[in-house]
N, C-alpha and C. Protein backbone atom coordinates (compact mmCIF):
# COMPACT_ATOMS: atom_id res chain seq x y z
N MET A 1 1.02 -0.74 0.41
CA MET A 1 0.21 -0.13 0.14
C MET A 1 0.43 1.05 -0.18
N GLY A 2 1.00 1.77 -1.28
CA GLY A 2 1.65 3.22 -0.95
C GLY A 2 0.62 4.35 -0.68
N SER A 3 0.81 5.91 -0.68
CA SER A 3 0.21 7.02 -0.42
C SER A 3 -0.33 7.22 -0.72
N ALA A 4 -1.00 7.03 -2.01
CA ALA A 4 -2.20 6.56 -2.63
C ALA A 4 -3.52 5.99 -2.30
N VAL A 5 -3.04 5.09 -2.05
CA VAL A 5 -4.04 4.43 -1.86
C VAL A 5 -4.41 4.54 -0.29
N GLY A 6 -3.53 4.40 0.57
CA GLY A 6 -3.69 5.42 1.71
C GLY A 6 -4.51 6.54 2.17
N GLU A 7 -4.48 7.31 0.98
CA GLU A 7 -5.36 8.88 1.11
C GLU A 7 -6.50 8.39 0.77
N LYS A 8 -6.30 7.46 -0.71
CA LYS A 8 -8.29 7.12 -0.39
C LYS A 8 -8.79 6.38 -0.11
N ILE A 9 -8.20 5.29 0.95
CA ILE A 9 -8.89 4.81 1.97
C ILE A 9 -9.63 5.63 3.35
N THR A 10 -8.35 6.73 3.63
CA THR A 10 -8.57 7.94 5.04
C THR A 10 -9.78 8.48 4.13
N ARG A 11 -9.96 8.90 2.99
CA ARG A 11 -10.98 10.03 2.38
C ARG A 11 -12.47 8.95 2.71
N ALA A 12 -12.52 7.85 1.74
CA ALA A 12 -12.93 7.25 2.05
C ALA A 12 -13.88 7.06 3.04
N VAL A 13 -12.60 6.76 4.21
CA VAL A 13 -13.52 6.12 5.82
C VAL A 13 -13.93 7.80 6.21
N GLU A 14 -13.53 9.06 5.93
CA GLU A 14 -14.11 10.50 6.09
C GLU A 14 -14.65 10.48 5.86
N LYS A 15 -15.11 9.93 4.57
CA LYS A 15 -16.40 10.29 3.77
C LYS A 15 -17.93 9.51 4.13
N SER A 16 -17.57 8.40 4.98
CA SER A 16 -18.46 7.54 5.45
C SER A 16 -18.75 8.40 7.06
N ILE A 17 -17.79 8.68 7.68
CA ILE A 17 -18.61 9.23 9.20
C ILE A 17 -19.23 10.34 8.70
N GLU A 18 -18.84 11.51 7.62
CA GLU A 18 -19.68 12.83 6.80
C GLU A 18 -20.74 12.32 6.86
N LEU A 19 -20.89 11.57 6.49
CA LEU A 19 -22.29 10.62 5.97
C LEU A 19 -23.53 9.88 6.61
N ARG A 20 -22.83 9.19 7.91
CA ARG A 20 -22.96 8.13 8.52
C ARG A 20 -23.32 7.03 8.02
N TYR A 21 -22.74 6.31 6.44
CA TYR A 21 -22.70 5.81 6.29
C TYR A 21 -21.86 4.19 6.68
N PRO A 22 -22.56 2.89 6.39
CA PRO A 22 -21.60 1.97 6.60
C PRO A 22 -20.42 2.18 5.86
N LEU A 23 -19.67 1.38 5.49
CA LEU A 23 -18.28 1.18 5.01
C LEU A 23 -18.02 -0.03 4.70
N VAL A 24 -17.68 -0.56 2.73
CA VAL A 24 -17.61 -2.11 2.68
C VAL A 24 -15.87 -1.38 2.20
N ILE A 25 -14.91 -2.38 2.42
CA ILE A 25 -13.72 -2.20 1.51
C ILE A 25 -13.22 -3.68 1.08
N PHE A 26 -13.30 -3.43 0.02
CA PHE A 26 -12.27 -4.69 -1.08
C PHE A 26 -11.47 -4.47 -0.82
N CYS A 27 -10.11 -5.79 -0.03
CA CYS A 27 -8.84 -5.92 -0.33
C CYS A 27 -8.10 -6.38 -1.28
N ALA A 28 -7.72 -6.06 -1.63
CA ALA A 28 -6.28 -6.52 -2.47
C ALA A 28 -4.94 -5.79 -2.62
N SER A 29 -3.96 -6.99 -2.36
CA SER A 29 -3.27 -6.21 -1.87
C SER A 29 -1.90 -7.28 -2.41
N GLY A 30 -0.48 -6.84 -2.76
CA GLY A 30 0.60 -7.79 -2.24
C GLY A 30 1.47 -6.83 -1.38
N GLY A 31 1.24 -6.18 -0.60
CA GLY A 31 2.10 -5.29 -0.31
C GLY A 31 2.28 -3.93 0.12
N ALA A 32 3.43 -3.28 1.58
CA ALA A 32 4.02 -2.07 0.74
C ALA A 32 4.63 -1.94 -0.26
N ARG A 33 4.55 -0.27 -0.76
CA ARG A 33 5.18 -0.21 -1.88
C ARG A 33 6.60 0.22 -1.15
N MET A 34 7.87 -0.61 -1.13
CA MET A 34 8.91 -0.51 -0.51
C MET A 34 9.56 0.57 -1.45
N GLN A 35 9.60 1.31 -2.61
CA GLN A 35 10.24 2.55 -3.05
C GLN A 35 9.81 3.88 -2.32
N GLU A 36 8.57 3.68 -1.60
CA GLU A 36 8.02 4.84 -0.96
C GLU A 36 8.65 4.89 0.33
N SER A 37 9.18 4.37 0.91
CA SER A 37 9.86 4.27 2.03
C SER A 37 9.10 4.02 3.11
N ILE A 38 9.36 5.56 4.01
CA ILE A 38 8.49 5.53 5.54
C ILE A 38 7.25 6.09 5.19
N PHE A 39 6.77 6.65 4.29
CA PHE A 39 5.50 6.84 3.55
C PHE A 39 4.89 6.21 3.78
N SER A 40 5.06 4.98 2.49
CA SER A 40 4.28 4.02 2.97
C SER A 40 3.76 2.88 3.89
N LEU A 41 5.15 3.12 5.21
CA LEU A 41 4.46 2.35 6.50
C LEU A 41 3.55 3.51 7.07
N MET A 42 3.72 4.52 6.81
CA MET A 42 3.03 5.26 7.50
C MET A 42 1.07 4.89 7.19
N GLN A 43 1.10 4.41 6.19
CA GLN A 43 -0.21 4.51 6.01
C GLN A 43 -0.74 3.46 6.59
N MET A 44 -0.04 3.00 7.49
CA MET A 44 -1.12 1.12 8.17
C MET A 44 -1.48 2.33 9.13
N ALA A 45 -0.80 3.52 9.65
CA ALA A 45 -0.90 4.06 11.20
C ALA A 45 -2.55 5.07 10.44
N LYS A 46 -1.92 5.77 9.12
CA LYS A 46 -2.87 6.59 8.89
C LYS A 46 -4.67 5.95 8.71
N THR A 47 -4.85 4.84 8.09
CA THR A 47 -6.03 4.24 7.47
C THR A 47 -6.59 3.35 8.78
N SER A 48 -5.42 3.26 9.92
CA SER A 48 -5.89 2.02 10.93
C SER A 48 -6.93 3.37 12.18
N ALA A 49 -6.55 4.72 12.27
CA ALA A 49 -6.00 6.13 13.01
C ALA A 49 -8.27 6.41 12.51
N ALA A 50 -8.27 6.38 11.16
CA ALA A 50 -9.56 7.05 10.45
C ALA A 50 -10.42 5.83 11.09
N LEU A 51 -9.97 4.29 10.83
CA LEU A 51 -11.11 3.33 11.24
C LEU A 51 -11.33 4.02 12.65
N GLY A 52 -10.22 4.33 13.48
CA GLY A 52 -10.52 4.14 14.94
C GLY A 52 -11.55 5.28 14.83
N ARG A 53 -11.56 6.24 14.07
CA ARG A 53 -13.39 7.42 14.13
C ARG A 53 -13.69 6.89 13.91
N HIS A 54 -14.10 5.66 12.68
CA HIS A 54 -15.06 5.04 12.76
C HIS A 54 -15.99 4.58 13.57
N LYS A 55 -14.73 4.10 14.19
CA LYS A 55 -15.41 2.94 15.27
C LYS A 55 -16.19 3.59 16.18
N GLU A 56 -15.41 4.80 16.72
CA GLU A 56 -15.80 5.94 18.09
C GLU A 56 -17.35 6.40 17.27
N GLU A 57 -17.95 5.79 16.05
CA GLU A 57 -18.44 6.46 15.53
C GLU A 57 -20.33 5.74 15.73
N GLY A 58 -20.36 4.31 16.23
CA GLY A 58 -20.54 3.25 15.72
C GLY A 58 -21.07 3.23 14.96
N LEU A 59 -20.12 3.29 13.53
CA LEU A 59 -20.59 2.47 11.84
C LEU A 59 -19.76 1.74 11.81
N LEU A 60 -20.95 0.67 10.80
CA LEU A 60 -20.10 -0.57 10.43
C LEU A 60 -19.54 -0.57 9.23
N TYR A 61 -18.40 -1.44 9.63
CA TYR A 61 -17.15 -1.37 8.74
C TYR A 61 -17.34 -2.91 8.15
N ILE A 62 -17.24 -3.32 7.75
CA ILE A 62 -17.07 -4.80 6.88
C ILE A 62 -16.09 -4.46 6.05
N THR A 63 -14.78 -5.64 5.93
CA THR A 63 -14.54 -5.81 4.67
C THR A 63 -14.44 -6.96 3.71
N VAL A 64 -13.96 -7.08 2.49
CA VAL A 64 -13.88 -8.27 2.00
C VAL A 64 -12.10 -8.37 1.28
N LEU A 65 -12.12 -9.50 2.21
CA LEU A 65 -10.99 -10.16 1.30
C LEU A 65 -10.47 -11.23 0.50
N THR A 66 -9.91 -10.37 -1.07
CA THR A 66 -9.96 -11.06 -2.26
C THR A 66 -7.90 -11.80 -1.96
N HIS A 67 -8.05 -12.64 -2.86
CA HIS A 67 -6.65 -13.18 -3.88
C HIS A 67 -6.06 -12.33 -3.96
N PRO A 68 -4.83 -11.47 -3.49
CA PRO A 68 -3.83 -12.26 -2.32
C PRO A 68 -4.61 -10.60 -1.58
N THR A 69 -4.59 -10.73 -0.83
CA THR A 69 -4.89 -9.51 0.54
C THR A 69 -3.83 -9.71 1.55
N THR A 70 -2.32 -8.96 1.62
CA THR A 70 -1.15 -8.91 2.22
C THR A 70 -0.30 -7.93 2.85
N GLY A 71 0.85 -8.51 3.34
CA GLY A 71 1.15 -7.23 3.97
C GLY A 71 1.28 -5.99 4.44
N GLY A 72 0.90 -5.03 4.50
CA GLY A 72 0.56 -3.51 5.24
C GLY A 72 -1.29 -3.53 5.54
N VAL A 73 -2.16 -3.93 4.15
CA VAL A 73 -2.83 -4.22 3.65
C VAL A 73 -3.64 -4.93 5.06
N THR A 74 -2.62 -6.11 5.41
CA THR A 74 -3.74 -7.02 6.28
C THR A 74 -3.46 -6.58 7.42
N ALA A 75 -2.04 -5.77 7.28
CA ALA A 75 -1.77 -5.68 9.04
C ALA A 75 -2.26 -4.22 9.31
N SER A 76 -3.23 -3.80 9.04
CA SER A 76 -3.85 -2.82 9.20
C SER A 76 -4.90 -2.79 8.66
N PHE A 77 -6.37 -2.20 7.49
CA PHE A 77 -7.61 -1.90 7.84
C PHE A 77 -8.12 -3.67 7.68
N ALA A 78 -7.50 -4.08 6.70
CA ALA A 78 -8.29 -5.41 6.19
C ALA A 78 -8.54 -6.24 7.51
N MET A 79 -8.00 -6.39 8.52
CA MET A 79 -8.36 -6.89 9.18
C MET A 79 -8.80 -6.18 10.54
N LEU A 80 -9.47 -5.18 10.48
CA LEU A 80 -9.70 -4.48 11.43
C LEU A 80 -11.60 -4.40 11.13
N GLY A 81 -12.46 -5.13 10.20
CA GLY A 81 -13.73 -4.80 9.93
C GLY A 81 -14.56 -5.47 11.00
N ASP A 82 -15.55 -4.83 11.26
CA ASP A 82 -16.67 -5.62 12.28
C ASP A 82 -17.11 -6.73 11.78
N ILE A 83 -16.96 -7.04 11.00
CA ILE A 83 -17.59 -8.34 9.86
C ILE A 83 -16.82 -8.61 8.91
N ILE A 84 -15.60 -9.29 8.63
CA ILE A 84 -14.39 -10.06 7.77
C ILE A 84 -15.08 -11.01 7.11
N LEU A 85 -15.30 -10.71 5.53
CA LEU A 85 -15.52 -11.86 4.53
C LEU A 85 -14.22 -12.59 3.77
N ALA A 86 -14.11 -13.46 3.25
CA ALA A 86 -13.34 -14.19 2.65
C ALA A 86 -13.77 -13.92 1.54
N GLU A 87 -12.80 -14.29 0.04
CA GLU A 87 -13.50 -15.35 -0.73
C GLU A 87 -12.96 -16.67 -0.63
N PRO A 88 -12.95 -17.88 -1.03
CA PRO A 88 -12.87 -18.83 -1.08
C PRO A 88 -10.90 -19.28 -1.97
N LYS A 89 -10.13 -19.59 -1.00
CA LYS A 89 -9.12 -19.97 -1.20
C LYS A 89 -7.70 -18.07 -1.15
N ALA A 90 -8.44 -17.73 -1.42
CA ALA A 90 -7.80 -16.29 -1.06
C ALA A 90 -6.48 -16.55 0.10
N LEU A 91 -5.94 -16.26 -0.41
CA LEU A 91 -4.36 -15.73 0.20
C LEU A 91 -4.33 -14.66 1.04
N ILE A 92 -4.26 -15.21 1.92
CA ILE A 92 -4.19 -13.50 3.30
C ILE A 92 -3.00 -13.68 4.27
N GLY A 93 -2.20 -12.57 4.13
CA GLY A 93 -1.19 -13.23 5.87
C GLY A 93 -0.30 -11.25 5.77
N PHE A 94 0.51 -11.68 6.23
CA PHE A 94 1.32 -10.36 6.12
C PHE A 94 2.84 -10.99 5.31
N ALA A 95 3.76 -11.68 5.96
CA ALA A 95 4.64 -12.21 5.37
C ALA A 95 4.47 -13.66 4.67
N GLY A 96 4.85 -13.62 3.31
CA GLY A 96 5.34 -14.80 2.91
C GLY A 96 5.23 -16.66 3.99
N PRO A 97 4.64 -16.86 3.56
CA PRO A 97 4.94 -18.41 3.92
C PRO A 97 6.80 -19.04 4.02
N ARG A 98 7.05 -18.39 2.80
CA ARG A 98 8.58 -19.12 3.23
C ARG A 98 9.15 -18.15 3.49
N VAL A 99 9.03 -17.54 4.13
CA VAL A 99 9.65 -16.14 4.59
C VAL A 99 9.84 -16.62 6.40
N ILE A 100 8.22 -16.85 6.60
CA ILE A 100 7.88 -17.22 7.89
C ILE A 100 8.69 -18.76 8.37
N GLU A 101 8.35 -19.30 7.07
CA GLU A 101 9.16 -20.90 7.59
C GLU A 101 11.00 -20.72 7.75
N GLN A 102 11.30 -20.08 7.14
CA GLN A 102 12.99 -19.58 7.36
C GLN A 102 13.07 -18.56 8.89
N THR A 103 12.09 -17.68 9.06
CA THR A 103 12.48 -17.34 10.16
C THR A 103 12.20 -18.10 11.15
N ILE A 104 10.68 -18.67 11.58
CA ILE A 104 10.66 -19.49 12.64
C ILE A 104 11.71 -20.81 12.22
N ARG A 105 11.81 -21.43 11.16
CA ARG A 105 12.35 -23.18 10.95
C ARG A 105 11.38 -24.11 11.09
N GLN A 106 10.42 -23.47 10.92
CA GLN A 106 8.95 -24.83 10.82
C GLN A 106 8.94 -25.14 9.83
N ARG A 107 7.82 -25.98 9.62
CA ARG A 107 6.92 -26.09 8.15
C ARG A 107 5.56 -25.54 8.86
N LEU A 108 5.12 -24.58 8.00
CA LEU A 108 3.67 -24.89 8.28
C LEU A 108 3.17 -25.62 8.04
N PRO A 109 1.48 -25.27 9.02
CA PRO A 109 0.45 -26.42 8.56
C PRO A 109 0.19 -25.99 7.11
N GLU A 110 -0.73 -27.35 6.56
CA GLU A 110 -1.67 -27.11 5.09
C GLU A 110 -2.40 -25.41 5.06
N GLY A 111 -2.21 -25.30 3.88
CA GLY A 111 -3.23 -24.08 4.04
C GLY A 111 -3.55 -22.61 4.58
N PHE A 112 -2.29 -22.86 5.81
CA PHE A 112 -1.70 -21.84 6.09
C PHE A 112 -1.72 -20.61 5.02
N GLN A 113 -2.45 -19.19 6.12
CA GLN A 113 -2.69 -17.69 5.14
C GLN A 113 -3.58 -18.15 3.85
N SER A 114 -4.85 -19.38 4.33
CA SER A 114 -5.73 -19.22 3.43
C SER A 114 -7.15 -19.20 4.12
N ALA A 115 -7.94 -18.33 3.07
CA ALA A 115 -9.36 -18.03 3.35
C ALA A 115 -9.67 -18.87 4.95
N GLU A 116 -9.78 -20.41 4.19
CA GLU A 116 -10.65 -21.06 5.11
C GLU A 116 -9.90 -21.88 6.58
N PHE A 117 -8.30 -21.19 6.11
CA PHE A 117 -7.40 -21.52 7.37
C PHE A 117 -8.22 -20.37 8.65
N LEU A 118 -7.88 -18.99 8.03
CA LEU A 118 -8.06 -18.01 8.72
C LEU A 118 -9.29 -17.73 9.58
N LYS A 119 -10.77 -18.88 8.83
CA LYS A 119 -11.96 -18.98 9.06
C LYS A 119 -11.63 -19.59 10.11
N GLU A 120 -11.49 -20.88 10.03
CA GLU A 120 -11.48 -22.22 11.10
C GLU A 120 -10.78 -21.73 12.69
N LYS A 121 -9.48 -20.13 12.64
CA LYS A 121 -8.69 -19.80 13.54
C LYS A 121 -9.29 -18.83 13.89
N GLY A 122 -11.20 -18.35 13.60
CA GLY A 122 -11.50 -17.37 13.65
C GLY A 122 -10.88 -15.53 13.41
N PHE A 123 -10.59 -15.89 12.60
CA PHE A 123 -10.04 -14.23 11.88
C PHE A 123 -10.22 -13.82 10.89
N VAL A 124 -11.71 -15.02 10.20
CA VAL A 124 -12.15 -14.79 9.21
C VAL A 124 -13.90 -15.21 9.66
N ASP A 125 -15.20 -14.04 9.41
CA ASP A 125 -16.39 -14.51 10.07
C ASP A 125 -16.78 -15.32 8.74
N LYS A 126 -17.17 -15.34 7.48
CA LYS A 126 -17.27 -16.12 7.01
C LYS A 126 -16.73 -15.82 5.01
N ILE A 127 -16.98 -17.24 5.12
CA ILE A 127 -16.37 -17.07 2.99
C ILE A 127 -17.42 -17.18 2.34
N VAL A 128 -17.26 -16.30 1.21
CA VAL A 128 -17.73 -16.13 0.47
C VAL A 128 -18.04 -16.06 -0.88
N GLU A 129 -18.67 -17.04 -1.81
CA GLU A 129 -18.08 -16.55 -3.26
C GLU A 129 -18.69 -15.39 -3.54
N ARG A 130 -17.65 -15.09 -5.28
CA ARG A 130 -18.48 -13.51 -5.48
C ARG A 130 -19.28 -13.47 -5.94
N LYS A 131 -19.96 -14.71 -6.63
CA LYS A 131 -21.48 -14.29 -6.99
C LYS A 131 -22.43 -14.24 -6.06
N ASP A 132 -21.97 -14.12 -5.01
CA ASP A 132 -23.07 -13.88 -3.36
C ASP A 132 -22.68 -13.36 -3.03
N LEU A 133 -21.79 -12.18 -2.93
CA LEU A 133 -20.96 -11.17 -2.14
C LEU A 133 -22.69 -10.11 -2.04
N LYS A 134 -22.98 -10.09 -3.35
CA LYS A 134 -23.94 -8.62 -3.13
C LYS A 134 -24.99 -9.08 -2.38
N THR A 135 -26.03 -9.81 -2.27
CA THR A 135 -26.34 -10.56 -1.18
C THR A 135 -26.36 -10.71 0.09
N VAL A 136 -24.59 -11.12 0.45
CA VAL A 136 -24.89 -11.51 1.59
C VAL A 136 -24.40 -9.53 1.62
N LEU A 137 -23.69 -9.27 1.33
CA LEU A 137 -23.41 -7.67 1.95
C LEU A 137 -24.73 -6.81 1.91
N SER A 138 -25.78 -6.80 1.16
CA SER A 138 -26.75 -6.03 1.21
C SER A 138 -27.97 -6.99 2.57
N LYS A 139 -27.54 -8.31 2.86
CA LYS A 139 -28.44 -8.70 3.78
C LYS A 139 -27.59 -8.08 5.34
N LEU A 140 -26.51 -7.90 5.43
CA LEU A 140 -25.75 -7.24 6.82
C LEU A 140 -25.68 -5.80 6.91
N ILE A 141 -25.61 -5.03 5.94
CA ILE A 141 -25.93 -4.31 5.75
C ILE A 141 -27.40 -3.32 6.18
N PHE A 142 -28.64 -4.40 5.64
CA PHE A 142 -30.33 -4.27 6.00
C PHE A 142 -30.06 -4.68 7.66
N PHE A 143 -29.44 -5.53 8.25
CA PHE A 143 -30.10 -6.18 8.86
C PHE A 143 -29.51 -4.93 10.33
N HIS A 144 -27.76 -4.32 9.85
CA HIS A 144 -27.40 -3.13 10.76
C HIS A 144 -27.91 -1.89 10.84
N LYS A 145 -28.79 -1.85 9.55
CA LYS A 145 -29.44 -0.64 9.38
C LYS A 145 -31.07 -0.89 11.05
N GLU A 146 -31.53 -2.31 10.67
CA GLU A 146 -32.71 -2.44 11.47
C GLU A 146 -32.04 -2.74 12.54
N ARG A 147 -31.15 -2.43 12.86
CA ARG A 147 -30.51 -2.97 14.21
C ARG A 147 -30.69 -1.88 15.07
N LYS A 148 -30.53 -0.39 14.13
CA LYS A 148 -29.51 0.44 14.64
C LYS A 148 -30.72 1.65 14.73
N GLU A 149 -31.87 1.32 14.10
CA GLU A 149 -33.31 2.21 13.92
C GLU A 149 -34.19 1.15 15.23
N ALA A 150 -33.89 0.25 15.23
CA ALA A 150 -34.97 -0.65 16.96
C ALA A 150 -34.45 0.67 17.97
């Protein structure tokens, strides 16, 4: 995630707060833009802080994790959703499996960093086929709206 993406995500969050709308973000990223140096790294804090304000306002935030969702996106706004959906077999993680195995000097479990593995461990709420996302998102937003009005 580079400066441009961080700015766009932050502005989307701020507009959601201003309009009192729920926010849905589809995430797909190969990681940070290393050529941007510290400016890329700061986007993690910037987007997370904006989402903290969004949460304080009591607004709904849903993330949809697509293939791949990795790096700084995973370490920041992708995993902060009130509801986290993922597409089947999506690769989701911070560092790649090879880097992790070399660091910890252990083999990783089968399917590590897959949407299914993360759902089993409680990091993803539901796995949804792309063709079903419109229906699922509509129901979630409608349910949240009804609950707020009650």
